[in-house]
Amino acid sequence: QVHFMESGGTSVEPGASLTLSCTVTGRSVRGVALGWYRQAEGQARETLAAEGNLWGASYAASVEGRFTIFRDNDANTVFLKMTNLTVEDTARYYCNMGSWSDGPLYASWGRGTHVIVSA
């Protein structure tokens, strides 16, 4: 069974940077597309970024130029580097397998990690 364990979320001020981690267990991430998602309170889950070993990354317009997705295959971990955070980035962040076009591969999500951006 595949599990996603997100970490790194915390409270920061606007303009700060933060890097989130997601370690995958139960399946190797080698050769598999990975993505980051977020869900703000009262809103639908939003796709933020996705990347695969054989193609480049895709980003939502709301985060392009500020967020970067990257991975460590040996650690079976995907990261999301976030810069110039705004209050609109406040949400719970999740990862999953799957490409930008296909969307999340697994219906079972991790607990996510909470990012709060406030002055």
Protein backbone atom coordinates (compact mmCIF):
# COMPACT_ATOMS: atom_id res chain seq x y z
CA GLN A 1 0.00 0.00 0.00
CA VAL A 2 1.33 3.42 -0.96
CA HIS A 3 1.53 6.10 1.73
CA PHE A 4 2.42 9.77 1.46
CA MET A 5 3.97 11.56 4.45
CA GLU A 6 4.17 15.32 4.07
CA SER A 7 6.19 17.55 6.38
CA GLY A 8 7.74 21.00 6.67
CA GLY A 9 4.65 23.14 7.06
CA THR A 10 4.70 25.94 9.61
CA SER A 11 3.62 29.53 10.22
CA VAL A 12 5.58 32.20 8.34
CA GLU A 13 5.28 35.86 7.44
CA PRO A 14 4.52 37.11 3.93
CA GLY A 15 7.59 37.10 1.73
CA ALA A 16 9.16 34.12 3.48
CA SER A 17 10.42 30.94 1.87
CA LEU A 18 9.69 27.37 2.90
CA THR A 19 10.49 23.91 1.56
CA LEU A 20 8.03 21.07 2.03
CA SER A 21 8.92 17.38 1.87
CA CYS A 22 6.87 14.32 1.03
CA THR A 23 8.28 10.85 1.56
CA VAL A 24 6.56 8.02 -0.25
CA THR A 25 6.45 4.49 1.13
CA GLY A 26 5.16 1.32 -0.49
CA ARG A 27 6.34 2.13 -4.01
CA SER A 28 9.46 3.54 -5.62
CA VAL A 29 9.11 7.00 -7.11
CA ARG A 30 11.67 6.25 -9.83
CA GLY A 31 10.10 6.71 -13.24
CA VAL A 32 6.82 7.92 -11.76
CA ALA A 33 5.42 11.42 -12.03
CA LEU A 34 4.90 13.23 -8.73
CA GLY A 35 2.75 16.20 -7.86
CA TRP A 36 1.93 18.69 -5.13
CA TYR A 37 -1.55 19.85 -4.26
CA ARG A 38 -3.09 22.13 -1.67
CA GLN A 39 -6.45 22.72 -0.13
CA ALA A 40 -7.42 25.92 1.63
CA GLU A 41 -10.22 25.89 4.16
CA GLY A 42 -13.58 25.76 2.45
CA GLN A 43 -12.07 25.38 -1.00
CA ALA A 44 -11.47 22.53 -3.43
CA ARG A 45 -8.10 20.85 -3.72
CA GLU A 46 -5.83 22.65 -6.19
CA THR A 47 -3.07 21.16 -8.32
CA LEU A 48 0.12 23.16 -7.83
CA ALA A 49 2.94 21.34 -9.57
CA ALA A 50 3.84 18.05 -11.18
CA GLU A 51 6.98 16.63 -12.69
CA GLY A 52 8.32 13.35 -14.07
CA ASN A 53 11.74 11.92 -14.71
CA LEU A 54 11.41 12.20 -18.48
CA TRP A 55 9.68 15.55 -18.82
CA GLY A 56 9.79 18.92 -17.22
CA ALA A 57 7.63 20.38 -14.50
CA SER A 58 4.27 22.05 -14.84
CA TYR A 59 2.92 24.66 -12.44
CA ALA A 60 -0.32 26.37 -11.67
CA ALA A 61 -0.39 30.01 -12.72
CA SER A 62 -0.83 31.02 -9.09
CA VAL A 63 2.58 29.61 -8.11
CA GLU A 64 4.67 29.63 -11.29
CA GLY A 65 7.92 31.46 -10.76
CA ARG A 66 7.63 31.16 -6.97
CA PHE A 67 7.39 27.39 -6.37
CA THR A 68 9.76 24.66 -7.54
CA ILE A 69 9.12 20.92 -7.42
CA PHE A 70 12.08 18.56 -7.25
CA ARG A 71 12.79 15.05 -6.05
CA ASP A 72 15.35 12.74 -4.50
CA ASN A 73 14.78 9.27 -5.93
CA ASP A 74 17.19 7.63 -3.52
CA ALA A 75 15.22 9.04 -0.59
CA ASN A 76 11.90 8.34 -2.32
CA THR A 77 10.99 11.93 -1.55
CA VAL A 78 9.55 14.87 -3.47
CA PHE A 79 10.02 18.46 -2.37
CA LEU A 80 8.29 21.76 -2.96
CA LYS A 81 10.39 24.87 -2.55
CA MET A 82 8.17 27.89 -2.01
CA THR A 83 9.37 31.48 -2.14
CA ASN A 84 7.75 34.89 -1.73
CA LEU A 85 4.84 33.37 0.16
CA THR A 86 1.59 35.32 0.43
CA VAL A 87 -1.44 34.96 2.65
CA GLU A 88 -3.20 33.31 -0.29
CA ASP A 89 -0.75 30.40 0.03
CA THR A 90 -2.22 29.46 3.40
CA ALA A 91 -3.48 25.89 3.00
CA ARG A 92 -2.82 22.26 3.76
CA TYR A 93 -0.35 20.82 1.26
CA TYR A 94 -0.36 17.26 -0.08
CA CYS A 95 1.61 15.15 -2.52
CA ASN A 96 0.60 12.24 -4.72
CA MET A 97 1.84 10.32 -7.72
CA GLY A 98 0.60 11.27 -11.17
CA SER A 99 1.31 13.66 -14.01
CA TRP A 100 -0.15 17.12 -14.55
CA SER A 101 -2.48 15.84 -17.28
CA ASP A 102 -3.56 12.65 -15.50
CA GLY A 103 -3.93 14.11 -12.04
CA PRO A 104 -3.42 12.25 -8.74
CA LEU A 105 -2.93 8.53 -9.13
CA TYR A 106 -4.01 7.41 -5.67
CA ALA A 107 -7.34 8.10 -4.01
CA SER A 108 -5.79 7.72 -0.56
CA TRP A 109 -4.04 10.89 0.55
CA GLY A 110 -1.61 11.61 3.36
CA ARG A 111 -2.42 13.93 6.25
CA GLY A 112 -0.81 16.85 4.51
CA THR A 113 1.23 19.60 6.08
CA HIS A 114 -0.21 22.94 7.09
CA VAL A 115 1.28 26.20 5.86
CA ILE A 116 0.05 29.43 7.44
CA VAL A 117 1.14 32.75 6.02
CA SER A 118 0.23 35.75 8.13
CA ALA A 119 1.72 39.11 9.12
